[in-house]
Amino acid sequence: MNNTPQKPAIGISEQRVDDDFKSYKIPCSCGCDNNVDFFIEVDEYSISATVCSTTKTNYWRERVAVKYTEPWIILNSKLLFNDVYNRLAICGQALFKGYIQTESCVILSEQQALNFAETIKSAAAEFDIIVKVRMAKHVAEKAAEKAAAKKTKAARTKSE
């Protein structure tokens, strides 16, 4: 296995690039729809990274035991009951606990993981330059404001 990041990075597709925003999509290696959407954004003085993925609840949990050898009407009634019960339980958790427990799993190949790490590192380095420029501009503006205030104060003192 190659232990160096690839250019272009295989397994990571760039979705959108702006001056202060980049987004990537990382597909799951198993072929399912558990993709990861990754956003790197720079605001006034910091860099933020957001990772989004489709999460799933334990919707497969059986509240009523199901035997697939049962008659069709009984089997479907139990499946429907389990489905409705699990959905109501999730609503109850959100209502009374304020959160629901979910899970997300994305399988990355070794090369995808390496490319993902390198993508984060390079995007953060690019945006770090932007943050430093903005901070320097902010410091210069503050120094100019102080100088102007000092000048105004000196002019007032002189006129009195």
Foldseek 3Di string as FASTA:
>chain_A
DDLAADVVGPQKAWDDDDPFKTKIWGAFPVPDQFIKIWMWGDDLADIDIDIDTDWAAVLVDQPDDADPVDDPVVRVVSNVVSNVVVVVVQVVCCVPVVDGDIDGDGHDDPNNVSNVVVVVVVVRVSVNVVNVVSVVVVVVVVVVVVVVVVVVVVVVVVVD
